[in-house]
């Protein structure tokens, strides 16, 4: 039984690492100015700028070398709005559990402060936890296809609600922790997907979720799972202060 649970979860984790937005739409250019692309010679994860020198992403996106790309819309073209800044510190949450993806959150310190302008802006951390049915937006350069590989060059957006915790736990019995939340559609057809990992779920102007994991993208009955950012305000604040 333990092996079956592990294999099922492993599949979920691999699905999360390549997530794209399925069933969404191309974001208006630079309308998500807090969205960043994490790059290691290729885009591999998303993230959110929370101050001029700090980015929030997922712990499972950790690499020892990361270039943070800000002000991006089309990641295959030079549009003149980009800022490419190396990460100097990649700090995974100390209680991150790679087996069940609990505490799947990471902070990245930039080698220099980003220049804030109309194309590069910060997003606010939450001052409360999200509520069921609250309208949110997820964004990223993840897979557009639930059953294939169709990675976009242009940033994709999707509006979706927070799912009640009881429904979320029923969808993922034994896997969900209090540090996770579900957002999306129980009917399937639209969700974050591979390549979106680490990216933002923003509700009413606040960063409420970090794309973490899920079963097959846009699968009926299995919405995407996010790290619950409201549980990490103290850790984020103390980590930024001490580094």
C-alpha atoms as a PDB file:
ATOM      1  CA  UNK A   1       0.000   0.000   0.000  1.00  0.00           C
ATOM      2  CA  UNK A   2       2.815   2.361   0.863  1.00  0.00           C
ATOM      3  CA  UNK A   3       4.398   1.787  -2.551  1.00  0.00           C
ATOM      4  CA  UNK A   4       1.122   2.473  -4.331  1.00  0.00           C
ATOM      5  CA  UNK A   5       0.685   5.745  -2.464  1.00  0.00           C
ATOM      6  CA  UNK A   6       4.262   6.729  -3.268  1.00  0.00           C
ATOM      7  CA  UNK A   7       3.872   5.942  -6.976  1.00  0.00           C
ATOM      8  CA  UNK A   8       0.595   7.830  -7.160  1.00  0.00           C
ATOM      9  CA  UNK A   9       2.128  10.846  -5.465  1.00  0.00           C
ATOM     10  CA  UNK A  10       5.273  10.632  -7.586  1.00  0.00           C
ATOM     11  CA  UNK A  11       3.081  10.826 -10.658  1.00  0.00           C
ATOM     12  CA  UNK A  12       1.355  13.839  -9.205  1.00  0.00           C
ATOM     13  CA  UNK A  13       4.660  15.565  -8.546  1.00  0.00           C
ATOM     14  CA  UNK A  14       5.952  14.970 -12.066  1.00  0.00           C
ATOM     15  CA  UNK A  15       2.666  16.316 -13.394  1.00  0.00           C
ATOM     16  CA  UNK A  16       3.111  19.452 -11.316  1.00  0.00           C
ATOM     17  CA  UNK A  17       6.669  20.128 -12.403  1.00  0.00           C
ATOM     18  CA  UNK A  18       5.700  20.580 -16.070  1.00  0.00           C
ATOM     19  CA  UNK A  19       2.390  22.319 -15.552  1.00  0.00           C
ATOM     20  CA  UNK A  20       0.934  24.790 -18.045  1.00  0.00           C
ATOM     21  CA  UNK A  21      -2.304  26.641 -17.876  1.00  0.00           C
ATOM     22  CA  UNK A  22      -4.908  24.483 -19.617  1.00  0.00           C
ATOM     23  CA  UNK A  23      -8.140  26.129 -20.773  1.00  0.00           C
ATOM     24  CA  UNK A  24      -6.986  29.677 -20.095  1.00  0.00           C
ATOM     25  CA  UNK A  25      -6.218  32.651 -22.335  1.00  0.00           C
ATOM     26  CA  UNK A  26      -3.218  34.767 -23.282  1.00  0.00           C
ATOM     27  CA  UNK A  27      -2.746  37.397 -20.590  1.00  0.00           C
ATOM     28  CA  UNK A  28      -2.829  40.991 -21.828  1.00  0.00           C
ATOM     29  CA  UNK A  29       0.809  42.014 -22.265  1.00  0.00           C
ATOM     30  CA  UNK A  30       2.495  42.818 -18.932  1.00  0.00           C
ATOM     31  CA  UNK A  31      -0.834  42.662 -17.082  1.00  0.00           C
ATOM     32  CA  UNK A  32       0.738  40.274 -14.541  1.00  0.00           C
ATOM     33  CA  UNK A  33       3.832  42.355 -13.644  1.00  0.00           C
ATOM     34  CA  UNK A  34       4.668  40.265 -10.560  1.00  0.00           C
ATOM     35  CA  UNK A  35       5.004  37.048 -12.606  1.00  0.00           C
ATOM     36  CA  UNK A  36       8.564  35.829 -13.158  1.00  0.00           C
ATOM     37  CA  UNK A  37      10.088  32.993 -15.147  1.00  0.00           C
ATOM     38  CA  UNK A  38      12.765  30.838 -13.519  1.00  0.00           C
ATOM     39  CA  UNK A  39      15.374  29.967 -16.105  1.00  0.00           C
ATOM     40  CA  UNK A  40      18.260  27.526 -16.267  1.00  0.00           C
ATOM     41  CA  UNK A  41      18.918  27.906 -19.982  1.00  0.00           C
ATOM     42  CA  UNK A  42      15.214  27.172 -20.416  1.00  0.00           C
ATOM     43  CA  UNK A  43      12.018  28.107 -18.580  1.00  0.00           C
ATOM     44  CA  UNK A  44      11.311  25.509 -15.895  1.00  0.00           C
ATOM     45  CA  UNK A  45       9.102  27.165 -13.261  1.00  0.00           C
ATOM     46  CA  UNK A  46       7.290  30.363 -12.362  1.00  0.00           C
ATOM     47  CA  UNK A  47       7.466  32.657  -9.364  1.00  0.00           C
ATOM     48  CA  UNK A  48       6.140  35.894  -7.882  1.00  0.00           C
ATOM     49  CA  UNK A  49       8.020  39.090  -7.068  1.00  0.00           C
ATOM     50  CA  UNK A  50       7.116  40.130  -3.494  1.00  0.00           C
ATOM     51  CA  UNK A  51       9.747  42.850  -3.004  1.00  0.00           C
ATOM     52  CA  UNK A  52      12.353  44.432  -5.244  1.00  0.00           C
ATOM     53  CA  UNK A  53      14.855  41.736  -4.227  1.00  0.00           C
ATOM     54  CA  UNK A  54      12.773  38.658  -3.303  1.00  0.00           C
ATOM     55  CA  UNK A  55      10.742  36.103  -5.244  1.00  0.00           C
ATOM     56  CA  UNK A  56       8.407  33.389  -3.938  1.00  0.00           C
ATOM     57  CA  UNK A  57       8.323  30.072  -5.785  1.00  0.00           C
ATOM     58  CA  UNK A  58       7.869  26.359  -4.990  1.00  0.00           C
ATOM     59  CA  UNK A  59      10.482  24.370  -3.087  1.00  0.00           C
ATOM     60  CA  UNK A  60      10.274  21.582  -5.686  1.00  0.00           C
ATOM     61  CA  UNK A  61      11.540  24.135  -8.243  1.00  0.00           C
ATOM     62  CA  UNK A  62      14.870  24.402  -6.393  1.00  0.00           C
ATOM     63  CA  UNK A  63      18.058  24.500  -8.448  1.00  0.00           C
ATOM     64  CA  UNK A  64      21.489  25.569  -7.293  1.00  0.00           C
ATOM     65  CA  UNK A  65      21.649  28.139 -10.110  1.00  0.00           C
ATOM     66  CA  UNK A  66      18.596  30.125 -11.172  1.00  0.00           C
ATOM     67  CA  UNK A  67      18.222  33.160 -13.374  1.00  0.00           C
ATOM     68  CA  UNK A  68      15.040  35.099 -12.593  1.00  0.00           C
ATOM     69  CA  UNK A  69      13.471  36.724 -15.640  1.00  0.00           C
ATOM     70  CA  UNK A  70      11.123  39.621 -14.911  1.00  0.00           C
ATOM     71  CA  UNK A  71       9.015  41.788 -17.204  1.00  0.00           C
ATOM     72  CA  UNK A  72       8.437  38.855 -19.553  1.00  0.00           C
ATOM     73  CA  UNK A  73       5.460  38.163 -21.782  1.00  0.00           C
ATOM     74  CA  UNK A  74       6.842  36.280 -24.778  1.00  0.00           C
ATOM     75  CA  UNK A  75       9.735  34.251 -23.368  1.00  0.00           C
ATOM     76  CA  UNK A  76      10.943  33.412 -26.899  1.00  0.00           C
ATOM     77  CA  UNK A  77      11.477  37.050 -27.919  1.00  0.00           C
ATOM     78  CA  UNK A  78      13.343  40.108 -26.682  1.00  0.00           C
ATOM     79  CA  UNK A  79      10.588  42.668 -26.142  1.00  0.00           C
ATOM     80  CA  UNK A  80      12.619  45.329 -24.347  1.00  0.00           C
ATOM     81  CA  UNK A  81      10.756  45.053 -21.036  1.00  0.00           C
ATOM     82  CA  UNK A  82      12.807  42.228 -19.553  1.00  0.00           C
ATOM     83  CA  UNK A  83      15.101  42.259 -16.546  1.00  0.00           C
ATOM     84  CA  UNK A  84      17.267  39.159 -16.087  1.00  0.00           C
ATOM     85  CA  UNK A  85      18.726  38.882 -12.599  1.00  0.00           C
ATOM     86  CA  UNK A  86      20.577  35.959 -11.037  1.00  0.00           C
ATOM     87  CA  UNK A  87      19.367  34.417  -7.816  1.00  0.00           C
ATOM     88  CA  UNK A  88      22.038  34.514  -5.110  1.00  0.00           C
ATOM     89  CA  UNK A  89      20.139  32.630  -2.406  1.00  0.00           C
ATOM     90  CA  UNK A  90      17.579  29.880  -2.980  1.00  0.00           C
ATOM     91  CA  UNK A  91      15.983  29.085   0.387  1.00  0.00           C
ATOM     92  CA  UNK A  92      13.572  26.161   0.624  1.00  0.00           C
ATOM     93  CA  UNK A  93      11.214  26.028   3.588  1.00  0.00           C
ATOM     94  CA  UNK A  94      13.066  24.083   6.332  1.00  0.00           C
ATOM     95  CA  UNK A  95      10.122  21.679   6.714  1.00  0.00           C
ATOM     96  CA  UNK A  96       9.669  21.025   3.000  1.00  0.00           C
ATOM     97  CA  UNK A  97       8.745  17.365   2.484  1.00  0.00           C
ATOM     98  CA  UNK A  98       9.566  16.147  -1.032  1.00  0.00           C
ATOM     99  CA  UNK A  99       7.515  12.977  -0.469  1.00  0.00           C
ATOM    100  CA  UNK A 100       4.126  14.626   0.057  1.00  0.00           C
ATOM    101  CA  UNK A 101       5.020  18.185  -1.084  1.00  0.00           C
ATOM    102  CA  UNK A 102       4.108  19.694   2.291  1.00  0.00           C
ATOM    103  CA  UNK A 103       5.571  23.204   2.774  1.00  0.00           C
ATOM    104  CA  UNK A 104       6.290  23.457  -0.953  1.00  0.00           C
ATOM    105  CA  UNK A 105       7.534  27.037  -0.865  1.00  0.00           C
ATOM    106  CA  UNK A 106      10.889  28.682  -1.553  1.00  0.00           C
ATOM    107  CA  UNK A 107      12.335  32.176  -1.410  1.00  0.00           C
ATOM    108  CA  UNK A 108      14.842  33.455  -3.971  1.00  0.00           C
ATOM    109  CA  UNK A 109      16.999  36.487  -3.229  1.00  0.00           C
ATOM    110  CA  UNK A 110      18.041  38.441  -6.305  1.00  0.00           C
ATOM    111  CA  UNK A 111      21.653  39.501  -6.798  1.00  0.00           C
ATOM    112  CA  UNK A 112      20.447  43.100  -7.142  1.00  0.00           C
ATOM    113  CA  UNK A 113      17.082  44.820  -6.687  1.00  0.00           C
ATOM    114  CA  UNK A 114      14.737  44.768  -9.642  1.00  0.00           C
ATOM    115  CA  UNK A 115      13.760  48.109 -11.137  1.00  0.00           C
ATOM    116  CA  UNK A 116      10.047  48.503 -10.475  1.00  0.00           C
ATOM    117  CA  UNK A 117       8.053  49.998 -13.334  1.00  0.00           C
ATOM    118  CA  UNK A 118       4.833  49.344 -15.261  1.00  0.00           C
ATOM    119  CA  UNK A 119       6.197  45.971 -16.444  1.00  0.00           C
ATOM    120  CA  UNK A 120       7.743  44.787 -13.171  1.00  0.00           C
ATOM    121  CA  UNK A 121       5.766  45.135  -9.950  1.00  0.00           C
ATOM    122  CA  UNK A 122       5.429  43.320  -6.637  1.00  0.00           C
ATOM    123  CA  UNK A 123       2.377  41.426  -5.427  1.00  0.00           C
ATOM    124  CA  UNK A 124       1.116  41.716  -1.851  1.00  0.00           C
ATOM    125  CA  UNK A 125       1.369  38.870   0.620  1.00  0.00           C
ATOM    126  CA  UNK A 126      -1.987  37.855   2.119  1.00  0.00           C
ATOM    127  CA  UNK A 127      -3.367  39.546   5.220  1.00  0.00           C
ATOM    128  CA  UNK A 128      -5.882  36.699   5.621  1.00  0.00           C
ATOM    129  CA  UNK A 129      -6.400  33.188   4.298  1.00  0.00           C
ATOM    130  CA  UNK A 130      -8.582  32.698   1.202  1.00  0.00           C
ATOM    131  CA  UNK A 131     -12.276  31.835   1.320  1.00  0.00           C
ATOM    132  CA  UNK A 132     -14.150  29.159  -0.592  1.00  0.00           C
ATOM    133  CA  UNK A 133     -15.420  30.373  -3.978  1.00  0.00           C
ATOM    134  CA  UNK A 134     -13.185  33.455  -3.895  1.00  0.00           C
ATOM    135  CA  UNK A 135     -12.260  34.433  -7.449  1.00  0.00           C
ATOM    136  CA  UNK A 136      -8.543  34.123  -8.219  1.00  0.00           C
ATOM    137  CA  UNK A 137      -6.136  34.086 -11.140  1.00  0.00           C
ATOM    138  CA  UNK A 138      -3.317  31.666 -11.923  1.00  0.00           C
ATOM    139  CA  UNK A 139      -0.752  32.432 -14.602  1.00  0.00           C
ATOM    140  CA  UNK A 140       2.256  30.821 -16.224  1.00  0.00           C
ATOM    141  CA  UNK A 141       3.993  29.452 -19.290  1.00  0.00           C
ATOM    142  CA  UNK A 142       2.965  25.880 -18.528  1.00  0.00           C
ATOM    143  CA  UNK A 143       1.427  23.243 -20.780  1.00  0.00           C
ATOM    144  CA  UNK A 144      -1.705  24.190 -22.688  1.00  0.00           C
ATOM    145  CA  UNK A 145      -2.705  20.592 -23.289  1.00  0.00           C
ATOM    146  CA  UNK A 146      -4.070  18.072 -20.801  1.00  0.00           C
ATOM    147  CA  UNK A 147      -3.045  15.169 -23.057  1.00  0.00           C
ATOM    148  CA  UNK A 148       0.084  16.306 -24.864  1.00  0.00           C
ATOM    149  CA  UNK A 149       2.891  18.837 -25.010  1.00  0.00           C
ATOM    150  CA  UNK A 150       1.996  22.329 -26.143  1.00  0.00           C
ATOM    151  CA  UNK A 151       4.105  24.856 -24.291  1.00  0.00           C
ATOM    152  CA  UNK A 152       3.345  28.502 -25.092  1.00  0.00           C
ATOM    153  CA  UNK A 153       5.806  31.332 -25.568  1.00  0.00           C
ATOM    154  CA  UNK A 154       3.293  33.897 -24.288  1.00  0.00           C
ATOM    155  CA  UNK A 155       2.080  34.128 -20.708  1.00  0.00           C
ATOM    156  CA  UNK A 156      -1.278  32.432 -20.075  1.00  0.00           C
ATOM    157  CA  UNK A 157      -3.911  33.355 -17.487  1.00  0.00           C
ATOM    158  CA  UNK A 158      -6.885  31.526 -15.998  1.00  0.00           C
ATOM    159  CA  UNK A 159      -9.598  32.785 -13.658  1.00  0.00           C
ATOM    160  CA  UNK A 160     -10.686  30.150 -11.165  1.00  0.00           C
ATOM    161  CA  UNK A 161     -12.249  29.882  -7.677  1.00  0.00           C
ATOM    162  CA  UNK A 162     -10.898  28.636  -4.361  1.00  0.00           C
ATOM    163  CA  UNK A 163     -12.378  25.195  -3.638  1.00  0.00           C
ATOM    164  CA  UNK A 164     -13.821  24.445  -0.206  1.00  0.00           C
ATOM    165  CA  UNK A 165     -11.277  22.593   1.972  1.00  0.00           C
ATOM    166  CA  UNK A 166     -13.657  19.662   2.589  1.00  0.00           C
ATOM    167  CA  UNK A 167     -14.132  19.108  -1.138  1.00  0.00           C
ATOM    168  CA  UNK A 168     -10.375  19.433  -1.673  1.00  0.00           C
ATOM    169  CA  UNK A 169      -9.607  16.817   0.990  1.00  0.00           C
ATOM    170  CA  UNK A 170     -12.154  14.435  -0.493  1.00  0.00           C
ATOM    171  CA  UNK A 171     -10.467  14.815  -3.879  1.00  0.00           C
ATOM    172  CA  UNK A 172      -7.053  13.917  -2.425  1.00  0.00           C
ATOM    173  CA  UNK A 173      -7.604  11.663   0.613  1.00  0.00           C
ATOM    174  CA  UNK A 174      -4.394  11.025   2.622  1.00  0.00           C
ATOM    175  CA  UNK A 175      -2.347  13.489   0.534  1.00  0.00           C
ATOM    176  CA  UNK A 176      -3.600  16.921   1.538  1.00  0.00           C
ATOM    177  CA  UNK A 177      -2.170  18.837   4.509  1.00  0.00           C
ATOM    178  CA  UNK A 178      -3.367  22.037   6.179  1.00  0.00           C
ATOM    179  CA  UNK A 179      -0.626  23.895   4.297  1.00  0.00           C
ATOM    180  CA  UNK A 180      -2.279  23.150   0.945  1.00  0.00           C
ATOM    181  CA  UNK A 181      -5.355  24.488  -0.806  1.00  0.00           C
ATOM    182  CA  UNK A 182      -7.226  23.602  -3.986  1.00  0.00           C
ATOM    183  CA  UNK A 183      -8.287  26.016  -6.688  1.00  0.00           C
ATOM    184  CA  UNK A 184      -9.880  25.317 -10.028  1.00  0.00           C
ATOM    185  CA  UNK A 185     -12.861  23.410 -11.340  1.00  0.00           C
ATOM    186  CA  UNK A 186     -14.089  20.047 -10.062  1.00  0.00           C
ATOM    187  CA  UNK A 187     -15.611  19.508 -13.509  1.00  0.00           C
ATOM    188  CA  UNK A 188     -12.127  19.631 -15.054  1.00  0.00           C
ATOM    189  CA  UNK A 189     -11.265  21.188 -18.396  1.00  0.00           C
ATOM    190  CA  UNK A 190      -9.067  24.003 -17.081  1.00  0.00           C
ATOM    191  CA  UNK A 191      -6.176  24.160 -14.603  1.00  0.00           C
ATOM    192  CA  UNK A 192      -2.550  24.987 -14.069  1.00  0.00           C
ATOM    193  CA  UNK A 193      -0.233  22.350 -15.526  1.00  0.00           C
ATOM    194  CA  UNK A 194       3.441  21.396 -16.076  1.00  0.00           C
ATOM    195  CA  UNK A 195       5.701  24.446 -16.279  1.00  0.00           C
ATOM    196  CA  UNK A 196       3.389  26.569 -14.116  1.00  0.00           C
ATOM    197  CA  UNK A 197       4.897  25.210 -10.888  1.00  0.00           C
ATOM    198  CA  UNK A 198       6.005  27.861  -8.425  1.00  0.00           C
ATOM    199  CA  UNK A 199       3.805  30.458 -10.076  1.00  0.00           C
ATOM    200  CA  UNK A 200       1.184  32.718  -8.515  1.00  0.00           C
ATOM    201  CA  UNK A 201      -2.420  32.197  -7.518  1.00  0.00           C
ATOM    202  CA  UNK A 202      -3.616  35.729  -6.784  1.00  0.00           C
ATOM    203  CA  UNK A 203      -6.975  36.536  -5.184  1.00  0.00           C
ATOM    204  CA  UNK A 204      -8.131  40.133  -4.773  1.00  0.00           C
ATOM    205  CA  UNK A 205      -4.601  41.436  -5.240  1.00  0.00           C
ATOM    206  CA  UNK A 206      -2.982  39.074  -2.727  1.00  0.00           C
ATOM    207  CA  UNK A 207      -0.703  36.085  -3.320  1.00  0.00           C
ATOM    208  CA  UNK A 208      -2.731  33.248  -1.801  1.00  0.00           C
ATOM    209  CA  UNK A 209      -1.198  30.229  -3.530  1.00  0.00           C
ATOM    210  CA  UNK A 210       1.958  28.821  -5.118  1.00  0.00           C
ATOM    211  CA  UNK A 211       1.399  26.223  -7.860  1.00  0.00           C
ATOM    212  CA  UNK A 212       2.504  22.946  -6.277  1.00  0.00           C
ATOM    213  CA  UNK A 213       1.079  19.655  -7.579  1.00  0.00           C
ATOM    214  CA  UNK A 214      -1.890  17.771  -8.973  1.00  0.00           C
ATOM    215  CA  UNK A 215      -2.928  14.689 -10.925  1.00  0.00           C
ATOM    216  CA  UNK A 216      -3.263  14.886 -14.722  1.00  0.00           C
ATOM    217  CA  UNK A 217      -3.894  18.500 -15.729  1.00  0.00           C
ATOM    218  CA  UNK A 218      -7.524  19.658 -15.918  1.00  0.00           C
ATOM    219  CA  UNK A 219      -8.722  16.230 -14.764  1.00  0.00           C
ATOM    220  CA  UNK A 220     -12.324  15.961 -13.578  1.00  0.00           C
ATOM    221  CA  UNK A 221     -12.539  15.599  -9.803  1.00  0.00           C
ATOM    222  CA  UNK A 222      -8.886  16.483  -9.200  1.00  0.00           C
ATOM    223  CA  UNK A 223      -8.193  20.244  -9.101  1.00  0.00           C
ATOM    224  CA  UNK A 224      -4.711  21.743  -8.821  1.00  0.00           C
ATOM    225  CA  UNK A 225      -3.106  21.983  -5.385  1.00  0.00           C
ATOM    226  CA  UNK A 226      -1.277  25.082  -4.133  1.00  0.00           C
ATOM    227  CA  UNK A 227       0.911  25.933  -1.155  1.00  0.00           C
ATOM    228  CA  UNK A 228      -1.221  28.051   1.208  1.00  0.00           C
ATOM    229  CA  UNK A 229       0.824  31.266   1.374  1.00  0.00           C
ATOM    230  CA  UNK A 230      -1.085  32.722   4.343  1.00  0.00           C
ATOM    231  CA  UNK A 231       0.570  30.075   6.544  1.00  0.00           C
ATOM    232  CA  UNK A 232       4.034  31.368   5.685  1.00  0.00           C
ATOM    233  CA  UNK A 233       3.922  35.109   6.319  1.00  0.00           C
ATOM    234  CA  UNK A 234       6.102  34.848   9.450  1.00  0.00           C
ATOM    235  CA  UNK A 235       8.633  32.551   7.773  1.00  0.00           C
ATOM    236  CA  UNK A 236       8.827  34.808   4.712  1.00  0.00           C
ATOM    237  CA  UNK A 237       9.280  37.927   6.854  1.00  0.00           C
ATOM    238  CA  UNK A 238      11.962  36.420   9.114  1.00  0.00           C
ATOM    239  CA  UNK A 239      13.853  34.839   6.203  1.00  0.00           C
ATOM    240  CA  UNK A 240      13.974  38.117   4.303  1.00  0.00           C
ATOM    241  CA  UNK A 241      15.092  39.983   7.427  1.00  0.00           C
ATOM    242  CA  UNK A 242      17.862  37.496   8.185  1.00  0.00           C
ATOM    243  CA  UNK A 243      19.282  37.275   4.671  1.00  0.00           C
END
